[in-house]
Amino acid sequence: MFFNEPGKASNSKRAVYLTASTTLGIFLGVIFSELLEMKYLSLAPNPFNDGYTRLQLLQGIILILGAIWGFFVGKFWWRKIYIERVWIKKS
């Protein structure tokens, strides 16, 4: 099969993998925060009062949590794919 040898796990490959997964987490956080903002703006009678500042703070927290989530998901799958090689052991 084509995927029997995944290659050697190098530090540069790990850095790219973790950066890509962190970026994916940030992108998902942006999508989620924009959906939250659209919902808030459609429901609030006057959205540009004090509540909008709290919404912006919440969006920042969501972006940070998305980056943290992406980093840890990347670490998890790095270990599964390159260290434990789970997908080879099942064959």
PDB file of N, CA and C in Angstrom:
ATOM      1  N   MET A   1       0.836  -1.184   0.000  1.00  0.00           N
ATOM      2  CA  MET A   1       0.000   0.000   0.000  1.00  0.00           C
ATOM      3  C   MET A   1       0.877   1.242   0.000  1.00  0.00           C
ATOM      4  N   PHE A   2       0.353   2.328  -0.481  1.00  0.00           N
ATOM      5  CA  PHE A   2       1.106   3.563  -0.633  1.00  0.00           C
ATOM      6  C   PHE A   2       1.495   4.196   0.695  1.00  0.00           C
ATOM      7  N   PHE A   3       0.669   4.052   1.732  1.00  0.00           N
ATOM      8  CA  PHE A   3       0.889   4.738   2.994  1.00  0.00           C
ATOM      9  C   PHE A   3       1.532   3.865   4.060  1.00  0.00           C
ATOM     10  N   ASN A   4       2.276   2.845   3.703  1.00  0.00           N
ATOM     11  CA  ASN A   4       2.897   1.983   4.707  1.00  0.00           C
ATOM     12  C   ASN A   4       4.048   2.663   5.435  1.00  0.00           C
ATOM     13  N   GLU A   5       4.765   3.533   4.794  1.00  0.00           N
ATOM     14  CA  GLU A   5       5.891   4.215   5.419  1.00  0.00           C
ATOM     15  C   GLU A   5       5.588   5.713   5.524  1.00  0.00           C
ATOM     16  N   PRO A   6       5.217   6.199   6.712  1.00  0.00           N
ATOM     17  CA  PRO A   6       4.840   7.607   6.834  1.00  0.00           C
ATOM     18  C   PRO A   6       6.019   8.562   6.821  1.00  0.00           C
ATOM     19  N   GLY A   7       7.211   8.083   6.926  1.00  0.00           N
ATOM     20  CA  GLY A   7       8.360   8.968   6.954  1.00  0.00           C
ATOM     21  C   GLY A   7       8.836   9.225   8.366  1.00  0.00           C
ATOM     22  N   LYS A   8       9.988   9.839   8.446  1.00  0.00           N
ATOM     23  CA  LYS A   8      10.586  10.114   9.742  1.00  0.00           C
ATOM     24  C   LYS A   8       9.974  11.371  10.347  1.00  0.00           C
ATOM     25  N   ALA A   9       9.731  11.326  11.638  1.00  0.00           N
ATOM     26  CA  ALA A   9       9.164  12.472  12.346  1.00  0.00           C
ATOM     27  C   ALA A   9      10.288  13.434  12.715  1.00  0.00           C
ATOM     28  N   SER A  10      10.350  14.572  12.023  1.00  0.00           N
ATOM     29  CA  SER A  10      11.390  15.556  12.298  1.00  0.00           C
ATOM     30  C   SER A  10      10.801  16.744  13.050  1.00  0.00           C
ATOM     31  N   ASN A  11      11.683  17.545  13.625  1.00  0.00           N
ATOM     32  CA  ASN A  11      11.223  18.716  14.382  1.00  0.00           C
ATOM     33  C   ASN A  11      10.563  19.751  13.480  1.00  0.00           C
ATOM     34  N   SER A  12      11.078  19.922  12.271  1.00  0.00           N
ATOM     35  CA  SER A  12      10.469  20.895  11.367  1.00  0.00           C
ATOM     36  C   SER A  12       9.091  20.428  10.908  1.00  0.00           C
ATOM     37  N   LYS A  13       8.929  19.134  10.679  1.00  0.00           N
ATOM     38  CA  LYS A  13       7.627  18.601  10.292  1.00  0.00           C
ATOM     39  C   LYS A  13       6.631  18.779  11.439  1.00  0.00           C
ATOM     40  N   ARG A  14       7.107  18.575  12.666  1.00  0.00           N
ATOM     41  CA  ARG A  14       6.233  18.750  13.825  1.00  0.00           C
ATOM     42  C   ARG A  14       5.820  20.210  13.976  1.00  0.00           C
ATOM     43  N   ALA A  15       6.753  21.126  13.760  1.00  0.00           N
ATOM     44  CA  ALA A  15       6.427  22.553  13.876  1.00  0.00           C
ATOM     45  C   ALA A  15       5.380  22.959  12.841  1.00  0.00           C
ATOM     46  N   VAL A  16       5.525  22.479  11.618  1.00  0.00           N
ATOM     47  CA  VAL A  16       4.549  22.795  10.571  1.00  0.00           C
ATOM     48  C   VAL A  16       3.197  22.177  10.915  1.00  0.00           C
ATOM     49  N   TYR A  17       3.198  20.946  11.407  1.00  0.00           N
ATOM     50  CA  TYR A  17       1.958  20.249  11.761  1.00  0.00           C
ATOM     51  C   TYR A  17       1.227  20.980  12.884  1.00  0.00           C
ATOM     52  N   LEU A  18       1.954  21.378  13.920  1.00  0.00           N
ATOM     53  CA  LEU A  18       1.324  22.094  15.040  1.00  0.00           C
ATOM     54  C   LEU A  18       0.856  23.489  14.630  1.00  0.00           C
ATOM     55  N   THR A  19       1.615  24.151  13.771  1.00  0.00           N
ATOM     56  CA  THR A  19       1.201  25.465  13.289  1.00  0.00           C
ATOM     57  C   THR A  19      -0.072  25.356  12.455  1.00  0.00           C
ATOM     58  N   ALA A  20      -0.145  24.340  11.609  1.00  0.00           N
ATOM     59  CA  ALA A  20      -1.336  24.150  10.780  1.00  0.00           C
ATOM     60  C   ALA A  20      -2.564  23.831  11.636  1.00  0.00           C
ATOM     61  N   SER A  21      -2.398  22.991  12.638  1.00  0.00           N
ATOM     62  CA  SER A  21      -3.545  22.648  13.476  1.00  0.00           C
ATOM     63  C   SER A  21      -3.968  23.834  14.348  1.00  0.00           C
ATOM     64  N   THR A  22      -3.020  24.644  14.810  1.00  0.00           N
ATOM     65  CA  THR A  22      -3.360  25.844  15.569  1.00  0.00           C
ATOM     66  C   THR A  22      -4.088  26.848  14.691  1.00  0.00           C
ATOM     67  N   THR A  23      -3.632  26.998  13.443  1.00  0.00           N
ATOM     68  CA  THR A  23      -4.298  27.888  12.500  1.00  0.00           C
ATOM     69  C   THR A  23      -5.718  27.416  12.217  1.00  0.00           C
ATOM     70  N   LEU A  24      -5.904  26.122  12.085  1.00  0.00           N
ATOM     71  CA  LEU A  24      -7.244  25.573  11.891  1.00  0.00           C
ATOM     72  C   LEU A  24      -8.132  25.890  13.096  1.00  0.00           C
ATOM     73  N   GLY A  25      -7.588  25.765  14.297  1.00  0.00           N
ATOM     74  CA  GLY A  25      -8.351  26.107  15.495  1.00  0.00           C
ATOM     75  C   GLY A  25      -8.745  27.576  15.519  1.00  0.00           C
ATOM     76  N   ILE A  26      -7.850  28.444  15.088  1.00  0.00           N
ATOM     77  CA  ILE A  26      -8.166  29.878  15.033  1.00  0.00           C
ATOM     78  C   ILE A  26      -9.252  30.138  13.997  1.00  0.00           C
ATOM     79  N   PHE A  27      -9.142  29.500  12.829  1.00  0.00           N
ATOM     80  CA  PHE A  27     -10.173  29.674  11.801  1.00  0.00           C
ATOM     81  C   PHE A  27     -11.536  29.213  12.290  1.00  0.00           C
ATOM     82  N   LEU A  28     -11.583  28.081  12.970  1.00  0.00           N
ATOM     83  CA  LEU A  28     -12.848  27.600  13.505  1.00  0.00           C
ATOM     84  C   LEU A  28     -13.384  28.535  14.590  1.00  0.00           C
ATOM     85  N   GLY A  29     -12.475  29.118  15.378  1.00  0.00           N
ATOM     86  CA  GLY A  29     -12.885  30.101  16.376  1.00  0.00           C
ATOM     87  C   GLY A  29     -13.462  31.351  15.734  1.00  0.00           C
ATOM     88  N   VAL A  30     -12.877  31.792  14.613  1.00  0.00           N
ATOM     89  CA  VAL A  30     -13.396  32.958  13.896  1.00  0.00           C
ATOM     90  C   VAL A  30     -14.796  32.666  13.370  1.00  0.00           C
ATOM     91  N   ILE A  31     -14.974  31.491  12.778  1.00  0.00           N
ATOM     92  CA  ILE A  31     -16.292  31.131  12.255  1.00  0.00           C
ATOM     93  C   ILE A  31     -17.321  31.094  13.383  1.00  0.00           C
ATOM     94  N   PHE A  32     -16.970  30.459  14.488  1.00  0.00           N
ATOM     95  CA  PHE A  32     -17.903  30.370  15.611  1.00  0.00           C
ATOM     96  C   PHE A  32     -18.220  31.746  16.183  1.00  0.00           C
ATOM     97  N   SER A  33     -17.207  32.607  16.327  1.00  0.00           N
ATOM     98  CA  SER A  33     -17.471  33.931  16.903  1.00  0.00           C
ATOM     99  C   SER A  33     -18.300  34.792  15.952  1.00  0.00           C
ATOM    100  N   GLU A  34     -18.119  34.629  14.645  1.00  0.00           N
ATOM    101  CA  GLU A  34     -18.935  35.391  13.704  1.00  0.00           C
ATOM    102  C   GLU A  34     -20.380  34.908  13.700  1.00  0.00           C
ATOM    103  N   LEU A  35     -20.578  33.608  13.837  1.00  0.00           N
ATOM    104  CA  LEU A  35     -21.942  33.093  13.965  1.00  0.00           C
ATOM    105  C   LEU A  35     -22.602  33.616  15.236  1.00  0.00           C
ATOM    106  N   LEU A  36     -21.828  33.680  16.302  1.00  0.00           N
ATOM    107  CA  LEU A  36     -22.335  34.220  17.563  1.00  0.00           C
ATOM    108  C   LEU A  36     -22.695  35.694  17.410  1.00  0.00           C
ATOM    109  N   GLU A  37     -21.867  36.451  16.710  1.00  0.00           N
ATOM    110  CA  GLU A  37     -22.137  37.872  16.520  1.00  0.00           C
ATOM    111  C   GLU A  37     -23.378  38.083  15.646  1.00  0.00           C
ATOM    112  N   MET A  38     -23.536  37.294  14.599  1.00  0.00           N
ATOM    113  CA  MET A  38     -24.725  37.430  13.760  1.00  0.00           C
ATOM    114  C   MET A  38     -25.994  37.140  14.558  1.00  0.00           C
ATOM    115  N   LYS A  39     -25.937  36.117  15.394  1.00  0.00           N
ATOM    116  CA  LYS A  39     -27.090  35.783  16.226  1.00  0.00           C
ATOM    117  C   LYS A  39     -27.373  36.908  17.217  1.00  0.00           C
ATOM    118  N   TYR A  40     -26.323  37.453  17.832  1.00  0.00           N
ATOM    119  CA  TYR A  40     -26.489  38.533  18.803  1.00  0.00           C
ATOM    120  C   TYR A  40     -27.077  39.777  18.144  1.00  0.00           C
ATOM    121  N   LEU A  41     -26.552  40.140  16.972  1.00  0.00           N
ATOM    122  CA  LEU A  41     -27.032  41.347  16.307  1.00  0.00           C
ATOM    123  C   LEU A  41     -28.471  41.198  15.821  1.00  0.00           C
ATOM    124  N   SER A  42     -28.876  39.974  15.510  1.00  0.00           N
ATOM    125  CA  SER A  42     -30.258  39.792  15.064  1.00  0.00           C
ATOM    126  C   SER A  42     -31.244  39.788  16.235  1.00  0.00           C
ATOM    127  N   LEU A  43     -30.793  39.436  17.433  1.00  0.00           N
ATOM    128  CA  LEU A  43     -31.690  39.352  18.583  1.00  0.00           C
ATOM    129  C   LEU A  43     -31.721  40.609  19.436  1.00  0.00           C
ATOM    130  N   ALA A  44     -30.631  41.354  19.481  1.00  0.00           N
ATOM    131  CA  ALA A  44     -30.546  42.507  20.381  1.00  0.00           C
ATOM    132  C   ALA A  44     -31.328  43.695  19.815  1.00  0.00           C
ATOM    133  N   PRO A  45     -32.117  44.378  20.660  1.00  0.00           N
ATOM    134  CA  PRO A  45     -32.865  45.544  20.172  1.00  0.00           C
ATOM    135  C   PRO A  45     -31.951  46.728  19.849  1.00  0.00           C
ATOM    136  N   ASN A  46     -30.928  46.943  20.656  1.00  0.00           N
ATOM    137  CA  ASN A  46     -29.961  48.010  20.407  1.00  0.00           C
ATOM    138  C   ASN A  46     -28.574  47.422  20.671  1.00  0.00           C
ATOM    139  N   PRO A  47     -27.955  46.801  19.671  1.00  0.00           N
ATOM    140  CA  PRO A  47     -26.742  46.007  19.918  1.00  0.00           C
ATOM    141  C   PRO A  47     -25.487  46.817  20.207  1.00  0.00           C
ATOM    142  N   PHE A  48     -25.491  48.124  19.955  1.00  0.00           N
ATOM    143  CA  PHE A  48     -24.254  48.879  20.102  1.00  0.00           C
ATOM    144  C   PHE A  48     -24.153  49.603  21.432  1.00  0.00           C
ATOM    145  N   ASN A  49     -24.832  49.104  22.429  1.00  0.00           N
ATOM    146  CA  ASN A  49     -24.680  49.623  23.787  1.00  0.00           C
ATOM    147  C   ASN A  49     -23.566  48.847  24.485  1.00  0.00           C
ATOM    148  N   ASP A  50     -23.660  48.716  25.775  1.00  0.00           N
ATOM    149  CA  ASP A  50     -22.625  48.053  26.579  1.00  0.00           C
ATOM    150  C   ASP A  50     -22.466  46.577  26.222  1.00  0.00           C
ATOM    151  N   GLY A  51     -23.506  45.925  25.762  1.00  0.00           N
ATOM    152  CA  GLY A  51     -23.441  44.500  25.459  1.00  0.00           C
ATOM    153  C   GLY A  51     -22.503  44.175  24.313  1.00  0.00           C
ATOM    154  N   TYR A  52     -22.324  45.114  23.388  1.00  0.00           N
ATOM    155  CA  TYR A  52     -21.451  44.859  22.250  1.00  0.00           C
ATOM    156  C   TYR A  52     -19.988  44.752  22.676  1.00  0.00           C
ATOM    157  N   THR A  53     -19.593  45.508  23.694  1.00  0.00           N
ATOM    158  CA  THR A  53     -18.227  45.415  24.207  1.00  0.00           C
ATOM    159  C   THR A  53     -17.984  44.045  24.835  1.00  0.00           C
ATOM    160  N   ARG A  54     -18.985  43.559  25.549  1.00  0.00           N
ATOM    161  CA  ARG A  54     -18.858  42.220  26.124  1.00  0.00           C
ATOM    162  C   ARG A  54     -18.792  41.157  25.036  1.00  0.00           C
ATOM    163  N   LEU A  55     -19.505  41.373  23.938  1.00  0.00           N
ATOM    164  CA  LEU A  55     -19.458  40.436  22.821  1.00  0.00           C
ATOM    165  C   LEU A  55     -18.068  40.407  22.206  1.00  0.00           C
ATOM    166  N   GLN A  56     -17.434  41.556  22.079  1.00  0.00           N
ATOM    167  CA  GLN A  56     -16.080  41.605  21.531  1.00  0.00           C
ATOM    168  C   GLN A  56     -15.094  40.901  22.454  1.00  0.00           C
ATOM    169  N   LEU A  57     -15.260  41.046  23.754  1.00  0.00           N
ATOM    170  CA  LEU A  57     -14.414  40.341  24.711  1.00  0.00           C
ATOM    171  C   LEU A  57     -14.612  38.838  24.583  1.00  0.00           C
ATOM    172  N   LEU A  58     -15.858  38.420  24.449  1.00  0.00           N
ATOM    173  CA  LEU A  58     -16.159  37.008  24.270  1.00  0.00           C
ATOM    174  C   LEU A  58     -15.545  36.467  22.978  1.00  0.00           C
ATOM    175  N   GLN A  59     -15.557  37.267  21.920  1.00  0.00           N
ATOM    176  CA  GLN A  59     -14.944  36.845  20.660  1.00  0.00           C
ATOM    177  C   GLN A  59     -13.442  36.647  20.817  1.00  0.00           C
ATOM    178  N   GLY A  60     -12.793  37.528  21.549  1.00  0.00           N
ATOM    179  CA  GLY A  60     -11.363  37.368  21.797  1.00  0.00           C
ATOM    180  C   GLY A  60     -11.066  36.102  22.580  1.00  0.00           C
ATOM    181  N   ILE A  61     -11.896  35.811  23.568  1.00  0.00           N
ATOM    182  CA  ILE A  61     -11.722  34.584  24.357  1.00  0.00           C
ATOM    183  C   ILE A  61     -11.930  33.358  23.480  1.00  0.00           C
ATOM    184  N   ILE A  62     -12.929  33.404  22.590  1.00  0.00           N
ATOM    185  CA  ILE A  62     -13.181  32.275  21.692  1.00  0.00           C
ATOM    186  C   ILE A  62     -11.998  32.053  20.766  1.00  0.00           C
ATOM    187  N   LEU A  63     -11.382  33.113  20.257  1.00  0.00           N
ATOM    188  CA  LEU A  63     -10.216  32.966  19.382  1.00  0.00           C
ATOM    189  C   LEU A  63      -9.033  32.346  20.126  1.00  0.00           C
ATOM    190  N   ILE A  64      -8.821  32.780  21.350  1.00  0.00           N
ATOM    191  CA  ILE A  64      -7.727  32.218  22.143  1.00  0.00           C
ATOM    192  C   ILE A  64      -7.990  30.747  22.448  1.00  0.00           C
ATOM    193  N   LEU A  65      -9.232  30.433  22.818  1.00  0.00           N
ATOM    194  CA  LEU A  65      -9.576  29.032  23.078  1.00  0.00           C
ATOM    195  C   LEU A  65      -9.463  28.182  21.811  1.00  0.00           C
ATOM    196  N   GLY A  66      -9.790  28.753  20.660  1.00  0.00           N
ATOM    197  CA  GLY A  66      -9.631  28.033  19.397  1.00  0.00           C
ATOM    198  C   GLY A  66      -8.172  27.720  19.105  1.00  0.00           C
ATOM    199  N   ALA A  67      -7.284  28.673  19.384  1.00  0.00           N
ATOM    200  CA  ALA A  67      -5.855  28.436  19.171  1.00  0.00           C
ATOM    201  C   ALA A  67      -5.333  27.364  20.128  1.00  0.00           C
ATOM    202  N   ILE A  68      -5.751  27.424  21.382  1.00  0.00           N
ATOM    203  CA  ILE A  68      -5.318  26.420  22.357  1.00  0.00           C
ATOM    204  C   ILE A  68      -5.860  25.051  21.983  1.00  0.00           C
ATOM    205  N   TRP A  69      -7.129  24.992  21.579  1.00  0.00           N
ATOM    206  CA  TRP A  69      -7.733  23.720  21.172  1.00  0.00           C
ATOM    207  C   TRP A  69      -6.997  23.146  19.966  1.00  0.00           C
ATOM    208  N   GLY A  70      -6.699  23.988  18.975  1.00  0.00           N
ATOM    209  CA  GLY A  70      -5.987  23.518  17.786  1.00  0.00           C
ATOM    210  C   GLY A  70      -4.607  22.984  18.119  1.00  0.00           C
ATOM    211  N   PHE A  71      -3.908  23.649  19.040  1.00  0.00           N
ATOM    212  CA  PHE A  71      -2.576  23.187  19.424  1.00  0.00           C
ATOM    213  C   PHE A  71      -2.635  21.811  20.068  1.00  0.00           C
ATOM    214  N   PHE A  72      -3.561  21.617  21.001  1.00  0.00           N
ATOM    215  CA  PHE A  72      -3.631  20.333  21.692  1.00  0.00           C
ATOM    216  C   PHE A  72      -4.180  19.218  20.796  1.00  0.00           C
ATOM    217  N   VAL A  73      -5.066  19.553  19.889  1.00  0.00           N
ATOM    218  CA  VAL A  73      -5.524  18.549  18.916  1.00  0.00           C
ATOM    219  C   VAL A  73      -4.361  18.146  18.012  1.00  0.00           C
ATOM    220  N   GLY A  74      -3.547  19.120  17.617  1.00  0.00           N
ATOM    221  CA  GLY A  74      -2.369  18.824  16.809  1.00  0.00           C
ATOM    222  C   GLY A  74      -1.370  17.928  17.539  1.00  0.00           C
ATOM    223  N   LYS A  75      -1.151  18.214  18.813  1.00  0.00           N
ATOM    224  CA  LYS A  75      -0.252  17.361  19.598  1.00  0.00           C
ATOM    225  C   LYS A  75      -0.793  15.941  19.715  1.00  0.00           C
ATOM    226  N   PHE A  76      -2.111  15.814  19.912  1.00  0.00           N
ATOM    227  CA  PHE A  76      -2.732  14.498  20.031  1.00  0.00           C
ATOM    228  C   PHE A  76      -2.552  13.689  18.747  1.00  0.00           C
ATOM    229  N   TRP A  77      -2.897  14.307  17.601  1.00  0.00           N
ATOM    230  CA  TRP A  77      -2.804  13.566  16.344  1.00  0.00           C
ATOM    231  C   TRP A  77      -1.360  13.370  15.905  1.00  0.00           C
ATOM    232  N   TRP A  78      -0.451  14.238  16.288  1.00  0.00           N
ATOM    233  CA  TRP A  78       0.969  14.020  15.996  1.00  0.00           C
ATOM    234  C   TRP A  78       1.431  12.742  16.686  1.00  0.00           C
ATOM    235  N   ARG A  79       1.053  12.600  17.941  1.00  0.00           N
ATOM    236  CA  ARG A  79       1.441  11.399  18.681  1.00  0.00           C
ATOM    237  C   ARG A  79       0.818  10.150  18.066  1.00  0.00           C
ATOM    238  N   LYS A  80      -0.462  10.229  17.689  1.00  0.00           N
ATOM    239  CA  LYS A  80      -1.136   9.062  17.114  1.00  0.00           C
ATOM    240  C   LYS A  80      -0.553   8.677  15.754  1.00  0.00           C
ATOM    241  N   ILE A  81      -0.243   9.643  14.907  1.00  0.00           N
ATOM    242  CA  ILE A  81       0.194   9.346  13.542  1.00  0.00           C
ATOM    243  C   ILE A  81       1.689   9.062  13.463  1.00  0.00           C
ATOM    244  N   TYR A  82       2.520   9.892  14.083  1.00  0.00           N
ATOM    245  CA  TYR A  82       3.964   9.779  13.889  1.00  0.00           C
ATOM    246  C   TYR A  82       4.693   9.017  14.994  1.00  0.00           C
ATOM    247  N   ILE A  83       4.181   9.007  16.199  1.00  0.00           N
ATOM    248  CA  ILE A  83       4.867   8.321  17.294  1.00  0.00           C
ATOM    249  C   ILE A  83       4.314   6.918  17.478  1.00  0.00           C
ATOM    250  N   GLU A  84       3.001   6.808  17.707  1.00  0.00           N
ATOM    251  CA  GLU A  84       2.406   5.482  17.949  1.00  0.00           C
ATOM    252  C   GLU A  84       2.104   4.744  16.654  1.00  0.00           C
ATOM    253  N   ARG A  85       1.929   5.452  15.556  1.00  0.00           N
ATOM    254  CA  ARG A  85       1.602   4.887  14.241  1.00  0.00           C
ATOM    255  C   ARG A  85       0.430   3.919  14.327  1.00  0.00           C
ATOM    256  N   VAL A  86      -0.650   4.406  14.882  1.00  0.00           N
ATOM    257  CA  VAL A  86      -1.847   3.609  15.126  1.00  0.00           C
ATOM    258  C   VAL A  86      -2.424   3.050  13.843  1.00  0.00           C
ATOM    259  N   TRP A  87      -2.396   3.809  12.774  1.00  0.00           N
ATOM    260  CA  TRP A  87      -3.016   3.382  11.530  1.00  0.00           C
ATOM    261  C   TRP A  87      -2.248   2.235  10.869  1.00  0.00           C
ATOM    262  N   ILE A  88      -0.974   2.044  11.205  1.00  0.00           N
ATOM    263  CA  ILE A  88      -0.211   0.898  10.670  1.00  0.00           C
ATOM    264  C   ILE A  88      -0.522  -0.348  11.488  1.00  0.00           C
ATOM    265  N   LYS A  89      -0.678  -0.203  12.790  1.00  0.00           N
ATOM    266  CA  LYS A  89      -0.880  -1.352  13.663  1.00  0.00           C
ATOM    267  C   LYS A  89      -2.211  -2.052  13.411  1.00  0.00           C
ATOM    268  N   LYS A  90      -3.210  -1.355  12.856  1.00  0.00           N
ATOM    269  CA  LYS A  90      -4.509  -1.958  12.623  1.00  0.00           C
ATOM    270  C   LYS A  90      -4.519  -2.871  11.402  1.00  0.00           C
ATOM    271  N   SER A  91      -3.559  -2.741  10.512  1.00  0.00           N
ATOM    272  CA  SER A  91      -3.539  -3.575   9.299  1.00  0.00           C
ATOM    273  C   SER A  91      -3.096  -4.988   9.597  1.00  0.00           C
TER     274      SER A  91
END
